[in-house]
Amino acid sequence: ADQKRYNFLVKGGEDLRTDEHVQRIFRGFNRSLAALKPDQGSRIAVYSVVPVSVECGLIEWVSNTVSIRSLLEDDIVGLENW
């Protein structure tokens, strides 16, 4: 309805309802942080999750991010080369 283009990742083989609930909890944390410390601007980054079925869904594509897995893999490679 806002005439903007949004990119999503189609993910299959997993139940994304849990991901959707976690993002809802993070949004609640952000509201609480904003109410408690409005001047700090601290917040948890959230993204949209749309479960389509029990085994398939859409996840909002977030540009310029790195997965936790890739960070951990980089650390492991760094330790092995140390």
Protein backbone atom coordinates (compact mmCIF):
# COMPACT_ATOMS: atom_id res chain seq x y z
CA ALA A 1 0.00 0.00 0.00
CA ASP A 2 2.97 2.36 0.46
CA GLN A 3 4.22 1.72 -3.12
CA LYS A 4 7.70 0.72 -1.88
CA ARG A 5 9.63 -2.33 -2.97
CA TYR A 6 10.56 -4.86 -0.27
CA ASN A 7 12.93 -7.80 -0.60
CA PHE A 8 12.18 -11.05 1.20
CA LEU A 9 13.94 -14.37 1.59
CA VAL A 10 11.76 -17.44 0.99
CA LYS A 11 12.73 -20.05 3.57
CA GLY A 12 11.49 -23.62 3.53
CA GLY A 13 11.89 -26.62 5.78
CA GLU A 14 11.49 -24.68 9.02
CA ASP A 15 8.59 -23.44 11.10
CA LEU A 16 8.99 -19.66 11.14
CA ARG A 17 6.28 -19.06 13.73
CA THR A 18 8.95 -19.12 16.47
CA ASP A 19 11.00 -16.53 14.57
CA GLU A 20 7.89 -14.37 14.27
CA HIS A 21 7.29 -14.58 18.05
CA VAL A 22 10.92 -13.71 18.84
CA GLN A 23 10.70 -10.60 16.65
CA ARG A 24 7.49 -9.60 18.45
CA ILE A 25 9.32 -9.95 21.81
CA PHE A 26 12.22 -7.84 20.49
CA ARG A 27 9.76 -5.12 19.41
CA GLY A 28 8.38 -5.15 22.97
CA PHE A 29 11.91 -4.77 24.37
CA ASN A 30 12.46 -1.81 22.04
CA ARG A 31 9.28 -0.11 23.27
CA SER A 32 10.39 -0.67 26.89
CA LEU A 33 13.89 0.65 26.20
CA ALA A 34 12.47 3.73 24.49
CA ALA A 35 10.17 4.39 27.46
CA LEU A 36 12.90 3.89 30.07
CA LYS A 37 15.76 5.66 28.28
CA PRO A 38 14.36 7.77 25.45
CA ASP A 39 17.60 9.67 24.86
CA GLN A 40 19.88 6.66 24.37
CA GLY A 41 18.50 5.40 21.07
CA SER A 42 19.44 1.82 21.96
CA ARG A 43 17.39 -0.81 20.24
CA ILE A 44 17.43 -4.36 18.97
CA ALA A 45 17.24 -4.63 15.19
CA VAL A 46 14.08 -6.44 14.11
CA TYR A 47 12.80 -7.73 10.79
CA SER A 48 9.50 -9.00 9.44
CA VAL A 49 8.70 -12.70 9.43
CA VAL A 50 5.63 -14.02 7.61
CA PRO A 51 4.93 -17.73 8.14
CA VAL A 52 3.05 -18.99 5.07
CA SER A 53 2.71 -22.57 6.27
CA VAL A 54 4.24 -24.79 8.97
CA GLU A 55 7.27 -25.44 6.74
CA CYS A 56 7.61 -22.29 4.68
CA GLY A 57 7.67 -18.54 5.12
CA LEU A 58 9.04 -15.17 4.15
CA ILE A 59 11.76 -13.26 6.01
CA GLU A 60 12.43 -9.59 5.36
CA TRP A 61 15.76 -9.10 3.65
CA VAL A 62 18.00 -6.87 5.76
CA SER A 63 20.84 -5.26 3.81
CA ASN A 64 24.36 -4.78 5.17
CA THR A 65 24.10 -7.43 7.86
CA VAL A 66 26.19 -10.45 8.78
CA SER A 67 24.85 -13.69 10.18
CA ILE A 68 25.95 -14.89 13.59
CA ARG A 69 27.02 -18.14 11.95
CA SER A 70 29.45 -16.38 9.61
CA LEU A 71 30.91 -14.41 12.53
CA LEU A 72 31.46 -17.60 14.49
CA GLU A 73 32.98 -19.36 11.48
CA ASP A 74 35.38 -16.44 10.98
CA ASP A 75 36.39 -16.65 14.64
CA ILE A 76 36.99 -20.39 14.37
CA VAL A 77 39.13 -19.96 11.24
CA GLY A 78 41.03 -17.15 12.99
CA LEU A 79 41.73 -19.37 15.99
CA GLU A 80 42.87 -22.25 13.78
CA ASN A 81 45.33 -19.94 12.03
CA TRP A 82 46.57 -18.44 15.27
